[in-house]
Amino acid sequence: MIYLILFISAFISATLFPLGSEALLIYDIKEGYNIYLLVIVATIANSLGSLLNYFLGLKGEEFLVEKKLLNEKMIIKSKVYFDKYGSVCLLFSWLPIIGDPITFVAGILKYNLKKFIVLVVIAKLSRYLFIAYLVV
């Protein structure tokens, strides 16, 4: 049950909802649960939450253009920039506040999905490993 709660917390915290899973991870580590399994569960869940953001951005692009919140010219210009620097940007997807919108923007700009997944998993795993390292 502990791992399921951490999974849900990490998943939700990776979406555009303001929630953090770090405190729960720290608590679970201090309680003596398997640190490796905790880090893996948190990483997978947080990465899946970012993947949800990506697909929301991918499907939401048309809506945003239709509502005049974005225009095609701006999307094309941003796509060129994101194709060039997106990999660096996505490595910062672990950051609070700005990380989740980066994954949403990647979807809007149709960033390469395979690259997206690899970079986001690296970023999320690094974050949780760092937290675990600090606790142990």
Foldseek 3Di string as FASTA:
>chain_A
DLLVVLLVQLLVCLAPDPGDSLVSLLVCVVVPDDNVSSLVSSLVSNLVSLVVLLQCLQVCLVVCCVVVVDHPVRLVVVLVVCQVCVLVLQLCLCDPPVNNVSSNNCNNSVPPPVSNSVSNSNSSSVVSVVSSVVSD
